Amino acid sequence: MTAPSTDPAGSPERPGTIITVAVTGAHAKADVPALPVGSEEVAAAAASCARVGASVVDLEPRHDTSVPDVVAAIRNRTDLVVRVSAYARSETLATLLDSGAEVLTCPVDAPEEFVSDLRAGASSRDIAVHHEVRELDQLETLRLRCAEETGPSHAVLVFGSSAGAGMRGDLETLSAAVARLPEGVGYTVAGLDGTAVPMLLATLATDGHVRVGMADTLEYAPEVPVRDNAQLVARAAGVAKIAQRLPLSVSHVRGVFGLSG
């Protein structure tokens, strides 16, 4: 596969698209042999995704891997923006802050004390903090959180939880969420499981950014397993080109996120 054409600045009429890949999640390797697990496998997957249009890689701490080791491996092989989910129940906050990630994503419903400590630690290290939203009701809390920020604000909106809770993966719910976002806040949409393709298409229509990857879905199509993460990124990049929302370069994404690198 060859890399899609990228527009470093997008256009005033049709802004470019940030394509994020969530390469590994909570799945067990024994259950999903194709899933990249461990520093070198994840870094290799990230590098393959970078070649076909990804500019950001999302990582979720796993019990069997070290976040700093995975981040270091990715940064050794790519220039992708590395964004790590920071959960109060995961690795210690100090470990995540010192992992080498350029962005940490904090759930909007995280305890206030954790959010305060995360923000203070991130500020002292020039790390950006993004916000994860899984419920429509959390958007009011997002508004309050973003009002306290001075730099660019960005939210990761997760739709289609298989557990039945959370935001439904349909156009009506996406439209409601986008309408309730604070003014000026950028957003990336992740569609879980069978909502991955519908949410990809709908998000591009709303000028949002997209996340794909094996952390979110293990099917390329109904009853067709995903071959690898690059397959999902290549599809997202191709659809973005059709929508005239060309994948943005990593350097441009760093500007959008207000990163110094």
Protein backbone atom coordinates (compact mmCIF):
# COMPACT_ATOMS: atom_id res chain seq x y z
CA MET A 1 0.00 0.00 0.00
CA THR A 2 1.21 3.51 -0.75
CA ALA A 3 0.73 6.55 1.41
CA PRO A 4 -2.21 8.78 0.44
CA SER A 5 -1.61 12.34 -0.61
CA THR A 6 -1.64 14.65 2.36
CA ASP A 7 -2.43 18.32 2.52
CA PRO A 8 -0.40 20.02 5.28
CA ALA A 9 -2.95 22.73 5.77
CA GLY A 10 -6.27 21.52 4.42
CA SER A 11 -8.35 24.22 2.75
CA PRO A 12 -10.75 26.91 3.99
CA GLU A 13 -13.64 25.12 2.25
CA ARG A 14 -12.83 21.54 3.32
CA PRO A 15 -10.45 21.26 6.27
CA GLY A 16 -8.11 18.29 6.44
CA THR A 17 -8.63 15.22 8.59
CA ILE A 18 -6.59 13.99 11.53
CA ILE A 19 -6.51 10.20 11.32
CA THR A 20 -5.80 8.53 14.65
CA VAL A 21 -5.14 4.82 15.05
CA ALA A 22 -5.79 2.93 18.28
CA VAL A 23 -3.59 -0.06 17.54
CA THR A 24 -4.15 -2.20 20.63
CA GLY A 25 -6.72 -2.32 23.38
CA ALA A 26 -7.83 -4.64 26.13
CA HIS A 27 -8.13 -7.73 23.94
CA ALA A 28 -6.04 -10.76 24.84
CA LYS A 29 -3.41 -11.84 22.34
CA ALA A 30 -4.55 -15.44 22.73
CA ASP A 31 -8.02 -14.44 21.53
CA VAL A 32 -6.81 -12.13 18.73
CA PRO A 33 -3.49 -13.42 17.32
CA ALA A 34 -3.27 -10.52 14.82
CA LEU A 35 -3.41 -7.94 17.60
CA PRO A 36 -0.08 -6.15 18.11
CA VAL A 37 1.01 -6.48 21.74
CA GLY A 38 4.36 -5.50 23.22
CA SER A 39 6.64 -2.60 22.35
CA GLU A 40 8.06 -3.82 19.05
CA GLU A 41 4.79 -5.19 17.66
CA VAL A 42 2.92 -2.00 18.51
CA ALA A 43 5.70 0.18 17.07
CA ALA A 44 5.76 -1.84 13.86
CA ALA A 45 1.98 -1.51 13.56
CA ALA A 46 2.21 2.23 14.17
CA ALA A 47 4.87 2.59 11.49
CA SER A 48 2.69 0.74 8.97
CA CYS A 49 -0.22 3.02 9.82
CA ALA A 50 1.91 6.14 9.44
CA ARG A 51 2.78 5.09 5.90
CA VAL A 52 -0.88 5.00 4.86
CA GLY A 53 -2.17 8.20 6.47
CA ALA A 54 -2.22 8.08 10.28
CA SER A 55 -0.80 11.07 12.15
CA VAL A 56 -1.73 10.16 15.75
CA VAL A 57 -1.49 6.88 17.65
CA ASP A 58 -3.70 6.28 20.68
CA LEU A 59 -2.44 3.96 23.40
CA GLU A 60 -4.32 2.47 26.33
CA PRO A 61 -2.25 1.09 29.24
CA ARG A 62 -2.21 -2.70 29.38
CA HIS A 63 -1.31 -4.89 32.33
CA ASP A 64 1.24 -6.82 30.27
CA THR A 65 3.20 -3.93 28.74
CA SER A 66 5.06 -0.85 29.92
CA VAL A 67 3.71 2.41 28.52
CA PRO A 68 7.13 4.16 28.50
CA ASP A 69 8.64 1.22 26.60
CA VAL A 70 5.87 1.26 24.00
CA VAL A 71 6.06 5.04 23.57
CA ALA A 72 9.84 4.91 23.17
CA ALA A 73 9.57 2.16 20.55
CA ILE A 74 6.98 4.11 18.55
CA ARG A 75 8.99 7.33 18.67
CA ASN A 76 12.09 5.43 17.58
CA ARG A 77 10.33 4.26 14.42
CA THR A 78 7.88 7.07 13.59
CA ASP A 79 7.18 10.76 14.09
CA LEU A 80 3.53 10.11 14.98
CA VAL A 81 1.93 12.11 17.76
CA VAL A 82 1.59 9.68 20.68
CA ARG A 83 -1.52 10.11 22.83
CA VAL A 84 -1.97 7.93 25.93
CA SER A 85 -5.19 7.36 27.87
CA ALA A 86 -4.74 8.38 31.50
CA TYR A 87 -7.14 6.51 33.76
CA ALA A 88 -7.13 6.84 37.53
CA ARG A 89 -7.17 3.05 37.76
CA SER A 90 -4.24 2.50 35.36
CA GLU A 91 -0.50 2.88 35.81
CA THR A 92 0.55 5.58 38.24
CA LEU A 93 0.07 9.10 36.97
CA ALA A 94 3.78 9.84 37.31
CA THR A 95 4.57 6.93 34.97
CA LEU A 96 2.18 8.23 32.35
CA LEU A 97 3.44 11.80 32.65
CA ASP A 98 7.01 10.64 32.17
CA SER A 99 6.21 8.12 29.44
CA GLY A 100 7.26 10.38 26.58
CA ALA A 101 3.71 10.87 25.30
CA GLU A 102 2.94 14.29 23.83
CA VAL A 103 -0.74 14.10 24.77
CA LEU A 104 -2.66 12.46 27.61
CA THR A 105 -6.38 11.79 27.30
CA CYS A 106 -8.38 12.16 30.49
CA PRO A 107 -11.94 10.81 30.83
CA VAL A 108 -14.36 13.65 31.50
CA ASP A 109 -15.85 11.70 34.40
CA ALA A 110 -12.48 11.25 36.16
CA PRO A 111 -12.28 12.41 39.81
CA GLU A 112 -11.52 16.11 40.18
CA GLU A 113 -8.40 15.45 42.24
CA PHE A 114 -7.01 13.20 39.50
CA VAL A 115 -7.81 15.78 36.82
CA SER A 116 -6.10 18.52 38.82
CA ASP A 117 -2.97 16.43 39.36
CA LEU A 118 -2.92 15.41 35.69
CA ARG A 119 -3.21 18.98 34.49
CA ALA A 120 -0.50 20.23 36.82
CA GLY A 121 1.90 17.47 35.85
CA ALA A 122 1.15 17.87 32.14
CA SER A 123 1.63 21.64 32.26
CA SER A 124 5.06 21.33 33.85
CA ARG A 125 6.13 18.93 31.09
CA ASP A 126 4.53 20.70 28.07
CA ILE A 127 2.12 17.81 27.57
CA ALA A 128 -1.32 18.51 26.10
CA VAL A 129 -4.43 17.14 27.82
CA HIS A 130 -7.38 15.94 25.75
CA HIS A 131 -10.78 14.82 26.99
CA GLU A 132 -12.56 11.49 26.48
CA VAL A 133 -16.36 11.62 26.33
CA ARG A 134 -18.56 8.50 26.36
CA GLU A 135 -21.92 9.93 27.45
CA LEU A 136 -23.94 12.88 26.15
CA ASP A 137 -24.45 14.09 29.71
CA GLN A 138 -20.67 14.44 30.09
CA LEU A 139 -20.60 17.29 27.56
CA GLU A 140 -21.63 19.80 30.22
CA THR A 141 -18.65 18.74 32.32
CA LEU A 142 -16.51 19.05 29.19
CA ARG A 143 -17.66 22.65 28.78
CA LEU A 144 -16.56 23.47 32.32
CA ARG A 145 -13.21 21.72 31.87
CA CYS A 146 -12.47 23.48 28.59
CA ALA A 147 -13.36 26.87 30.07
CA GLU A 148 -10.37 26.44 32.38
CA GLU A 149 -7.91 25.85 29.53
CA THR A 150 -5.81 28.43 27.73
CA GLY A 151 -4.55 26.39 24.76
CA PRO A 152 -6.43 24.43 22.08
CA SER A 153 -9.03 22.01 23.48
CA HIS A 154 -9.76 18.64 21.91
CA ALA A 155 -12.23 15.88 22.72
CA VAL A 156 -12.27 12.20 21.80
CA LEU A 157 -15.92 11.15 21.41
CA VAL A 158 -16.54 7.40 21.72
CA PHE A 159 -19.71 5.93 20.20
CA GLY A 160 -21.29 2.50 20.00
CA SER A 161 -20.36 0.81 23.26
CA SER A 162 -21.08 -2.91 23.01
CA ALA A 163 -22.16 -2.86 26.65
CA GLY A 164 -25.27 -0.91 25.70
CA ALA A 165 -24.32 2.14 27.76
CA GLY A 166 -22.78 5.29 26.35
CA MET A 167 -23.49 7.14 23.11
CA ARG A 168 -25.23 5.22 20.35
CA GLY A 169 -23.28 4.96 17.12
CA ASP A 170 -25.75 6.76 14.86
CA LEU A 171 -26.00 10.09 13.06
CA GLU A 172 -28.65 11.47 15.43
CA THR A 173 -26.44 10.96 18.49
CA LEU A 174 -23.34 12.28 16.73
CA SER A 175 -25.24 15.40 15.67
CA ALA A 176 -26.45 15.92 19.23
CA ALA A 177 -22.94 15.55 20.62
CA VAL A 178 -21.38 17.93 18.08
CA ALA A 179 -24.10 20.51 18.74
CA ARG A 180 -23.31 20.42 22.47
CA LEU A 181 -19.55 20.74 22.13
CA PRO A 182 -18.09 23.95 23.55
CA GLU A 183 -17.29 26.52 20.89
CA GLY A 184 -13.86 26.09 19.37
CA VAL A 185 -13.26 22.58 20.70
CA GLY A 186 -11.91 20.14 18.12
CA TYR A 187 -13.09 16.55 18.17
CA THR A 188 -12.10 13.07 17.09
CA VAL A 189 -14.75 10.36 16.77
CA ALA A 190 -14.24 6.66 17.47
CA GLY A 191 -16.93 4.18 16.44
CA LEU A 192 -16.76 0.87 18.27
CA ASP A 193 -17.46 -2.53 16.74
CA GLY A 194 -20.13 -2.42 14.02
CA THR A 195 -20.48 1.36 14.21
CA ALA A 196 -16.93 1.95 12.94
CA VAL A 197 -17.80 2.57 9.28
CA PRO A 198 -21.06 4.51 9.84
CA MET A 199 -19.30 6.81 12.31
CA LEU A 200 -16.34 7.28 9.95
CA LEU A 201 -18.66 8.45 7.18
CA ALA A 202 -20.80 10.61 9.45
CA THR A 203 -17.82 12.26 11.11
CA LEU A 204 -16.24 13.27 7.82
CA ALA A 205 -19.56 14.87 6.88
CA THR A 206 -19.47 16.98 10.04
CA ASP A 207 -15.83 18.08 9.48
CA GLY A 208 -14.65 16.14 12.52
CA HIS A 209 -11.54 13.98 12.82
CA VAL A 210 -11.54 10.19 12.93
CA ARG A 211 -10.08 7.32 14.94
CA VAL A 212 -9.86 3.75 13.72
CA GLY A 213 -7.95 0.69 14.87
CA MET A 214 -8.10 -2.77 16.36
CA ALA A 215 -8.70 -1.35 19.82
CA ASP A 216 -12.12 -0.23 18.56
CA THR A 217 -13.13 -2.95 16.11
CA LEU A 218 -11.88 -6.38 15.09
CA GLU A 219 -14.05 -6.66 11.96
CA TYR A 220 -13.29 -5.02 8.63
CA ALA A 221 -16.78 -5.90 7.47
CA PRO A 222 -19.51 -8.12 8.93
CA GLU A 223 -17.91 -11.51 9.62
CA VAL A 224 -14.66 -10.39 7.97
CA PRO A 225 -11.82 -10.07 10.52
CA VAL A 226 -9.45 -7.14 10.36
CA ARG A 227 -6.12 -8.13 8.81
CA ASP A 228 -4.17 -5.40 10.61
CA ASN A 229 -4.45 -1.79 11.73
CA ALA A 230 -3.01 -0.43 8.49
CA GLN A 231 -5.98 -1.90 6.62
CA LEU A 232 -8.33 0.22 8.72
CA VAL A 233 -6.21 3.37 8.37
CA ALA A 234 -5.93 2.93 4.60
CA ARG A 235 -9.72 2.71 4.32
CA ALA A 236 -10.19 5.83 6.47
CA ALA A 237 -7.61 7.73 4.41
CA GLY A 238 -9.27 6.65 1.17
CA VAL A 239 -12.72 7.72 2.34
CA ALA A 240 -11.30 11.02 3.60
CA LYS A 241 -9.84 11.68 0.15
CA ILE A 242 -13.19 10.94 -1.48
CA ALA A 243 -14.79 13.41 0.95
CA GLN A 244 -12.11 15.98 0.00
CA ARG A 245 -10.92 15.93 3.62
CA LEU A 246 -7.29 14.94 2.98
CA PRO A 247 -5.31 13.33 5.84
CA LEU A 248 -3.26 15.96 7.64
CA SER A 249 0.49 15.67 8.06
CA VAL A 250 1.97 15.04 11.49
CA SER A 251 3.58 18.48 11.57
CA HIS A 252 0.24 20.16 10.90
CA VAL A 253 -1.48 18.05 13.56
CA ARG A 254 1.08 19.19 16.11
CA GLY A 255 0.07 22.76 15.27
CA VAL A 256 -3.63 21.95 15.64
CA PHE A 257 -2.99 20.40 19.05
CA GLY A 258 -0.68 23.23 20.16
CA LEU A 259 2.33 20.92 20.62
CA SER A 260 5.84 22.31 20.65
CA GLY A 261 7.58 19.34 18.96
